[in-house]
Amino acid sequence: MKSHSFLRNLNRYVVASVISNLVAFSLYCAFVSFPIVFTPITAFASATLLALPLSFSLNRFWVFSSKNNILAEFSKFCLGYLSAMFLGMLLLTSILKWTQNPYTAQFFSMAILGSSAFLVHSLWTFKSIKSSKLPL
């Protein structure tokens, strides 16, 4: 039963991630096309922050079907999301040294970070809270 739930969540997470990342990547491409205003790093940060509400909503309501405290989960999600964003900036900077193509660099950065984000969200952000008896 647990493996079924894990696989269902993983499959849904992949779909939700594709949707969120397509939105973020589209925004990134739009922003990076204005090099006077955006560098690849500022385009990444802006696109990531704008995609955050969509990503949270898809994960909370569809992937993990959470009924926990929304403010606590949103705080955890933002912490994990912002941590991933900063790691993504470091990763993007490193990949840009290998390739000068900002689109290719962002694609690889997103692919690498996505797998670790599922573990963070399933084990911490949206972890199901079971009611238990308090010790007397």
N, C-alpha and C. Protein backbone atom coordinates (compact mmCIF):
# COMPACT_ATOMS: atom_id res chain seq x y z
N MET A 1 0.82 -1.20 0.00
CA MET A 1 0.00 0.00 0.00
C MET A 1 0.86 1.26 0.00
N LYS A 2 1.93 1.27 0.81
CA LYS A 2 2.78 2.44 0.86
C LYS A 2 3.52 2.64 -0.46
N SER A 3 3.95 1.54 -1.11
CA SER A 3 4.66 1.68 -2.37
C SER A 3 3.73 2.23 -3.45
N HIS A 4 2.44 1.84 -3.40
CA HIS A 4 1.46 2.38 -4.35
C HIS A 4 1.32 3.90 -4.16
N SER A 5 1.23 4.33 -2.92
CA SER A 5 1.10 5.76 -2.62
C SER A 5 2.35 6.51 -3.05
N PHE A 6 3.52 5.94 -2.79
CA PHE A 6 4.78 6.57 -3.17
C PHE A 6 4.86 6.71 -4.69
N LEU A 7 4.52 5.66 -5.43
CA LEU A 7 4.57 5.72 -6.90
C LEU A 7 3.54 6.70 -7.46
N ARG A 8 2.35 6.73 -6.85
CA ARG A 8 1.33 7.69 -7.29
C ARG A 8 1.84 9.11 -7.08
N ASN A 9 2.40 9.37 -5.90
CA ASN A 9 2.93 10.71 -5.61
C ASN A 9 4.08 11.05 -6.54
N LEU A 10 4.95 10.09 -6.79
CA LEU A 10 6.09 10.33 -7.68
C LEU A 10 5.62 10.66 -9.10
N ASN A 11 4.67 9.89 -9.59
CA ASN A 11 4.14 10.15 -10.94
C ASN A 11 3.46 11.52 -11.02
N ARG A 12 2.68 11.84 -10.01
CA ARG A 12 2.02 13.14 -9.99
C ARG A 12 3.05 14.27 -9.85
N TYR A 13 4.09 14.01 -9.05
CA TYR A 13 5.14 15.02 -8.87
C TYR A 13 5.84 15.31 -10.19
N VAL A 14 6.09 14.27 -10.96
CA VAL A 14 6.73 14.46 -12.27
C VAL A 14 5.85 15.34 -13.15
N VAL A 15 4.56 15.06 -13.19
CA VAL A 15 3.64 15.87 -14.01
C VAL A 15 3.58 17.31 -13.50
N ALA A 16 3.44 17.47 -12.18
CA ALA A 16 3.38 18.82 -11.59
C ALA A 16 4.69 19.57 -11.84
N SER A 17 5.80 18.87 -11.74
CA SER A 17 7.11 19.50 -11.98
C SER A 17 7.26 19.93 -13.43
N VAL A 18 6.79 19.10 -14.34
CA VAL A 18 6.85 19.46 -15.76
C VAL A 18 6.04 20.73 -15.99
N ILE A 19 4.84 20.80 -15.43
CA ILE A 19 4.00 21.98 -15.61
C ILE A 19 4.67 23.21 -15.00
N SER A 20 5.10 23.11 -13.75
CA SER A 20 5.74 24.24 -13.07
C SER A 20 7.02 24.67 -13.78
N ASN A 21 7.82 23.67 -14.19
CA ASN A 21 9.08 23.99 -14.84
C ASN A 21 8.88 24.56 -16.24
N LEU A 22 7.84 24.13 -16.93
CA LEU A 22 7.54 24.74 -18.23
C LEU A 22 7.18 26.21 -18.07
N VAL A 23 6.41 26.52 -17.03
CA VAL A 23 6.07 27.91 -16.75
C VAL A 23 7.34 28.69 -16.40
N ALA A 24 8.14 28.14 -15.48
CA ALA A 24 9.38 28.82 -15.07
C ALA A 24 10.35 28.96 -16.24
N PHE A 25 10.49 27.91 -17.04
CA PHE A 25 11.42 27.95 -18.17
C PHE A 25 10.94 28.95 -19.23
N SER A 26 9.63 29.01 -19.45
CA SER A 26 9.08 29.99 -20.41
C SER A 26 9.35 31.41 -19.94
N LEU A 27 9.14 31.64 -18.66
CA LEU A 27 9.44 32.96 -18.10
C LEU A 27 10.93 33.26 -18.21
N TYR A 28 11.76 32.27 -17.89
CA TYR A 28 13.21 32.44 -17.99
C TYR A 28 13.61 32.83 -19.42
N CYS A 29 13.08 32.10 -20.40
CA CYS A 29 13.41 32.39 -21.80
C CYS A 29 12.96 33.80 -22.19
N ALA A 30 11.78 34.18 -21.72
CA ALA A 30 11.30 35.54 -22.01
C ALA A 30 12.20 36.59 -21.36
N PHE A 31 12.58 36.35 -20.13
CA PHE A 31 13.41 37.32 -19.41
C PHE A 31 14.82 37.41 -19.99
N VAL A 32 15.40 36.26 -20.33
CA VAL A 32 16.78 36.24 -20.82
C VAL A 32 16.89 36.86 -22.21
N SER A 33 15.75 37.00 -22.89
CA SER A 33 15.76 37.64 -24.21
C SER A 33 15.89 39.16 -24.10
N PHE A 34 15.87 39.66 -22.87
CA PHE A 34 16.09 41.08 -22.61
C PHE A 34 17.39 41.24 -21.81
N PRO A 35 18.55 41.04 -22.48
CA PRO A 35 19.83 41.04 -21.74
C PRO A 35 20.19 42.36 -21.08
N ILE A 36 19.57 43.45 -21.52
CA ILE A 36 19.85 44.74 -20.88
C ILE A 36 19.26 44.76 -19.48
N VAL A 37 18.12 44.08 -19.30
CA VAL A 37 17.43 44.06 -18.02
C VAL A 37 17.82 42.85 -17.18
N PHE A 38 17.93 41.68 -17.83
CA PHE A 38 18.14 40.42 -17.11
C PHE A 38 19.44 39.74 -17.51
N THR A 39 20.18 39.29 -16.50
CA THR A 39 21.28 38.35 -16.73
C THR A 39 20.67 36.95 -16.59
N PRO A 40 21.36 35.89 -16.98
CA PRO A 40 20.80 34.56 -16.75
C PRO A 40 20.44 34.30 -15.28
N ILE A 41 21.22 34.82 -14.37
CA ILE A 41 20.96 34.58 -12.94
C ILE A 41 19.72 35.36 -12.47
N THR A 42 19.59 36.62 -12.85
CA THR A 42 18.41 37.38 -12.43
C THR A 42 17.15 36.86 -13.13
N ALA A 43 17.30 36.39 -14.36
CA ALA A 43 16.16 35.79 -15.06
C ALA A 43 15.72 34.51 -14.35
N PHE A 44 16.69 33.70 -13.91
CA PHE A 44 16.41 32.46 -13.18
C PHE A 44 15.68 32.77 -11.88
N ALA A 45 16.21 33.72 -11.11
CA ALA A 45 15.61 34.06 -9.82
C ALA A 45 14.18 34.59 -10.01
N SER A 46 13.99 35.47 -10.96
CA SER A 46 12.66 36.05 -11.21
C SER A 46 11.67 34.98 -11.65
N ALA A 47 12.06 34.15 -12.58
CA ALA A 47 11.17 33.10 -13.08
C ALA A 47 10.83 32.09 -11.99
N THR A 48 11.82 31.74 -11.18
CA THR A 48 11.60 30.78 -10.10
C THR A 48 10.62 31.33 -9.07
N LEU A 49 10.78 32.58 -8.69
CA LEU A 49 9.88 33.17 -7.70
C LEU A 49 8.46 33.31 -8.24
N LEU A 50 8.32 33.63 -9.51
CA LEU A 50 6.99 33.78 -10.10
C LEU A 50 6.27 32.42 -10.24
N ALA A 51 7.04 31.34 -10.38
CA ALA A 51 6.44 30.01 -10.52
C ALA A 51 6.14 29.36 -9.16
N LEU A 52 6.60 29.94 -8.07
CA LEU A 52 6.43 29.36 -6.74
C LEU A 52 4.97 29.09 -6.36
N PRO A 53 4.05 30.04 -6.51
CA PRO A 53 2.66 29.76 -6.10
C PRO A 53 2.02 28.59 -6.87
N LEU A 54 2.29 28.50 -8.14
CA LEU A 54 1.77 27.39 -8.94
C LEU A 54 2.34 26.07 -8.45
N SER A 55 3.64 26.02 -8.23
CA SER A 55 4.29 24.80 -7.77
C SER A 55 3.75 24.36 -6.42
N PHE A 56 3.61 25.30 -5.49
CA PHE A 56 3.07 24.96 -4.16
C PHE A 56 1.66 24.40 -4.28
N SER A 57 0.83 25.07 -5.05
CA SER A 57 -0.57 24.64 -5.18
C SER A 57 -0.67 23.24 -5.78
N LEU A 58 0.05 22.99 -6.85
CA LEU A 58 0.02 21.66 -7.47
C LEU A 58 0.50 20.58 -6.49
N ASN A 59 1.57 20.87 -5.76
CA ASN A 59 2.11 19.88 -4.83
C ASN A 59 1.20 19.66 -3.63
N ARG A 60 0.70 20.71 -3.05
CA ARG A 60 -0.14 20.57 -1.85
C ARG A 60 -1.47 19.90 -2.15
N PHE A 61 -2.16 20.38 -3.17
CA PHE A 61 -3.52 19.93 -3.40
C PHE A 61 -3.63 18.70 -4.29
N TRP A 62 -2.68 18.49 -5.19
CA TRP A 62 -2.82 17.37 -6.12
C TRP A 62 -1.81 16.26 -5.87
N VAL A 63 -0.53 16.59 -5.75
CA VAL A 63 0.49 15.54 -5.59
C VAL A 63 0.36 14.86 -4.23
N PHE A 64 0.39 15.64 -3.16
CA PHE A 64 0.42 15.06 -1.82
C PHE A 64 -0.94 15.11 -1.11
N SER A 65 -1.93 15.76 -1.70
CA SER A 65 -3.29 15.86 -1.12
C SER A 65 -3.23 16.15 0.37
N SER A 66 -2.48 17.14 0.74
CA SER A 66 -2.23 17.44 2.15
C SER A 66 -3.40 18.15 2.81
N LYS A 67 -3.61 17.80 4.05
CA LYS A 67 -4.65 18.44 4.88
C LYS A 67 -4.00 19.11 6.10
N ASN A 68 -2.68 19.19 6.12
CA ASN A 68 -1.96 19.80 7.22
C ASN A 68 -2.11 21.32 7.18
N ASN A 69 -1.59 21.97 8.19
CA ASN A 69 -1.65 23.42 8.30
C ASN A 69 -1.00 24.07 7.08
N ILE A 70 -1.77 24.85 6.34
CA ILE A 70 -1.30 25.42 5.08
C ILE A 70 -0.16 26.43 5.28
N LEU A 71 -0.23 27.22 6.35
CA LEU A 71 0.83 28.21 6.59
C LEU A 71 2.15 27.53 6.95
N ALA A 72 2.09 26.48 7.74
CA ALA A 72 3.31 25.74 8.09
C ALA A 72 3.90 25.09 6.85
N GLU A 73 3.05 24.51 6.03
CA GLU A 73 3.54 23.87 4.81
C GLU A 73 4.07 24.90 3.81
N PHE A 74 3.40 26.03 3.70
CA PHE A 74 3.87 27.05 2.78
C PHE A 74 5.23 27.57 3.23
N SER A 75 5.41 27.73 4.54
CA SER A 75 6.71 28.18 5.05
C SER A 75 7.81 27.16 4.73
N LYS A 76 7.52 25.89 4.97
CA LYS A 76 8.49 24.84 4.66
C LYS A 76 8.77 24.79 3.15
N PHE A 77 7.70 24.90 2.37
CA PHE A 77 7.85 24.85 0.91
C PHE A 77 8.73 26.01 0.44
N CYS A 78 8.46 27.21 0.95
CA CYS A 78 9.26 28.38 0.56
C CYS A 78 10.72 28.21 0.95
N LEU A 79 10.97 27.68 2.15
CA LEU A 79 12.34 27.45 2.58
C LEU A 79 13.04 26.46 1.65
N GLY A 80 12.37 25.36 1.35
CA GLY A 80 12.94 24.38 0.44
C GLY A 80 13.10 24.93 -0.97
N TYR A 81 12.10 25.68 -1.42
CA TYR A 81 12.10 26.25 -2.76
C TYR A 81 13.21 27.28 -2.92
N LEU A 82 13.36 28.15 -1.90
CA LEU A 82 14.41 29.17 -1.96
C LEU A 82 15.80 28.55 -1.85
N SER A 83 15.92 27.50 -1.03
CA SER A 83 17.20 26.78 -0.95
C SER A 83 17.55 26.18 -2.31
N ALA A 84 16.55 25.57 -2.94
CA ALA A 84 16.77 25.00 -4.27
C ALA A 84 17.09 26.10 -5.29
N MET A 85 16.47 27.27 -5.12
CA MET A 85 16.74 28.38 -6.03
C MET A 85 18.21 28.81 -5.92
N PHE A 86 18.71 28.94 -4.69
CA PHE A 86 20.11 29.34 -4.52
C PHE A 86 21.07 28.25 -5.02
N LEU A 87 20.73 27.00 -4.75
CA LEU A 87 21.54 25.91 -5.30
C LEU A 87 21.47 25.92 -6.83
N GLY A 88 20.28 26.24 -7.35
CA GLY A 88 20.12 26.33 -8.80
C GLY A 88 20.96 27.44 -9.40
N MET A 89 21.06 28.56 -8.70
CA MET A 89 21.91 29.66 -9.19
C MET A 89 23.38 29.24 -9.23
N LEU A 90 23.82 28.54 -8.17
CA LEU A 90 25.20 28.04 -8.15
C LEU A 90 25.42 27.03 -9.27
N LEU A 91 24.47 26.14 -9.42
CA LEU A 91 24.55 25.13 -10.47
C LEU A 91 24.53 25.77 -11.85
N LEU A 92 23.64 26.74 -12.04
CA LEU A 92 23.55 27.45 -13.32
C LEU A 92 24.86 28.16 -13.64
N THR A 93 25.43 28.81 -12.64
CA THR A 93 26.72 29.50 -12.84
C THR A 93 27.80 28.50 -13.24
N SER A 94 27.82 27.35 -12.58
CA SER A 94 28.82 26.32 -12.92
C SER A 94 28.61 25.78 -14.33
N ILE A 95 27.36 25.51 -14.69
CA ILE A 95 27.07 24.96 -16.02
C ILE A 95 27.36 26.00 -17.11
N LEU A 96 27.13 27.28 -16.80
CA LEU A 96 27.42 28.34 -17.78
C LEU A 96 28.92 28.42 -18.09
N LYS A 97 29.76 27.93 -17.20
CA LYS A 97 31.20 27.88 -17.47
C LYS A 97 31.50 26.79 -18.50
N TRP A 98 30.65 25.77 -18.54
CA TRP A 98 30.82 24.65 -19.45
C TRP A 98 30.21 24.96 -20.82
N THR A 99 29.05 25.60 -20.81
CA THR A 99 28.37 25.99 -22.04
C THR A 99 27.93 27.44 -21.92
N GLN A 100 28.06 28.18 -22.98
CA GLN A 100 27.65 29.58 -22.95
C GLN A 100 26.16 29.75 -23.26
N ASN A 101 25.48 28.65 -23.52
CA ASN A 101 24.07 28.70 -23.86
C ASN A 101 23.22 28.73 -22.58
N PRO A 102 22.59 29.86 -22.26
CA PRO A 102 21.82 29.94 -21.01
C PRO A 102 20.60 29.02 -20.98
N TYR A 103 20.04 28.67 -22.13
CA TYR A 103 18.88 27.79 -22.18
C TYR A 103 19.27 26.36 -21.81
N THR A 104 20.38 25.88 -22.37
CA THR A 104 20.88 24.54 -22.05
C THR A 104 21.27 24.46 -20.58
N ALA A 105 21.94 25.50 -20.09
CA ALA A 105 22.37 25.52 -18.70
C ALA A 105 21.17 25.45 -17.75
N GLN A 106 20.13 26.21 -18.04
CA GLN A 106 18.94 26.19 -17.19
C GLN A 106 18.23 24.86 -17.25
N PHE A 107 18.17 24.24 -18.42
CA PHE A 107 17.52 22.94 -18.56
C PHE A 107 18.21 21.91 -17.67
N PHE A 108 19.54 21.84 -17.71
CA PHE A 108 20.26 20.87 -16.88
C PHE A 108 20.13 21.19 -15.39
N SER A 109 20.15 22.45 -15.06
CA SER A 109 20.00 22.86 -13.66
C SER A 109 18.65 22.40 -13.11
N MET A 110 17.59 22.61 -13.87
CA MET A 110 16.25 22.22 -13.44
C MET A 110 16.13 20.71 -13.31
N ALA A 111 16.71 19.97 -14.23
CA ALA A 111 16.62 18.51 -14.20
C ALA A 111 17.33 17.94 -12.97
N ILE A 112 18.46 18.50 -12.63
CA ILE A 112 19.23 17.99 -11.49
C ILE A 112 18.53 18.29 -10.17
N LEU A 113 17.99 19.49 -10.03
CA LEU A 113 17.36 19.88 -8.77
C LEU A 113 16.00 19.22 -8.54
N GLY A 114 15.31 18.86 -9.61
CA GLY A 114 13.97 18.31 -9.49
C GLY A 114 13.88 17.02 -8.69
N SER A 115 14.85 16.13 -8.88
CA SER A 115 14.79 14.85 -8.18
C SER A 115 14.99 15.00 -6.68
N SER A 116 15.87 15.88 -6.27
CA SER A 116 16.09 16.07 -4.83
C SER A 116 14.90 16.79 -4.19
N ALA A 117 14.23 17.64 -4.93
CA ALA A 117 13.08 18.37 -4.39
C ALA A 117 11.94 17.41 -4.03
N PHE A 118 11.74 16.35 -4.80
CA PHE A 118 10.68 15.39 -4.48
C PHE A 118 10.91 14.78 -3.10
N LEU A 119 12.15 14.41 -2.83
CA LEU A 119 12.46 13.82 -1.53
C LEU A 119 12.22 14.81 -0.39
N VAL A 120 12.63 16.05 -0.58
CA VAL A 120 12.43 17.07 0.46
C VAL A 120 10.94 17.27 0.72
N HIS A 121 10.15 17.37 -0.34
CA HIS A 121 8.72 17.62 -0.17
C HIS A 121 7.99 16.41 0.41
N SER A 122 8.35 15.22 -0.01
CA SER A 122 7.63 14.05 0.50
C SER A 122 8.05 13.69 1.93
N LEU A 123 9.30 13.94 2.30
CA LEU A 123 9.77 13.56 3.64
C LEU A 123 9.66 14.68 4.67
N TRP A 124 9.49 15.93 4.21
CA TRP A 124 9.48 17.04 5.17
C TRP A 124 8.32 18.00 4.95
N THR A 125 8.24 18.62 3.79
CA THR A 125 7.24 19.68 3.57
C THR A 125 5.81 19.18 3.74
N PHE A 126 5.45 18.11 3.04
CA PHE A 126 4.08 17.62 3.03
C PHE A 126 3.94 16.29 3.76
N LYS A 127 4.83 16.04 4.69
CA LYS A 127 4.78 14.78 5.44
C LYS A 127 3.46 14.69 6.19
N SER A 128 2.83 13.56 6.06
CA SER A 128 1.54 13.34 6.70
C SER A 128 1.73 13.30 8.22
N ILE A 129 0.92 14.07 8.92
CA ILE A 129 0.99 14.10 10.37
C ILE A 129 -0.01 13.09 10.91
N LYS A 130 0.50 12.08 11.58
CA LYS A 130 -0.36 11.05 12.17
C LYS A 130 -0.69 11.44 13.61
N SER A 131 -1.91 11.22 13.99
CA SER A 131 -2.24 11.51 15.39
C SER A 131 -1.69 10.39 16.25
N SER A 132 -1.07 10.75 17.32
CA SER A 132 -0.52 9.75 18.23
C SER A 132 -0.80 10.18 19.66
N LYS A 133 -0.80 9.21 20.53
CA LYS A 133 -1.03 9.49 21.94
C LYS A 133 0.23 10.09 22.53
N LEU A 134 0.04 11.11 23.31
CA LEU A 134 1.17 11.71 24.01
C LEU A 134 1.52 10.88 25.23
N PRO A 135 2.81 10.73 25.51
CA PRO A 135 3.18 9.96 26.70
C PRO A 135 2.72 10.69 27.97
N LEU A 136 2.29 9.95 28.93
CA LEU A 136 1.82 10.54 30.18
C LEU A 136 2.95 10.79 31.13
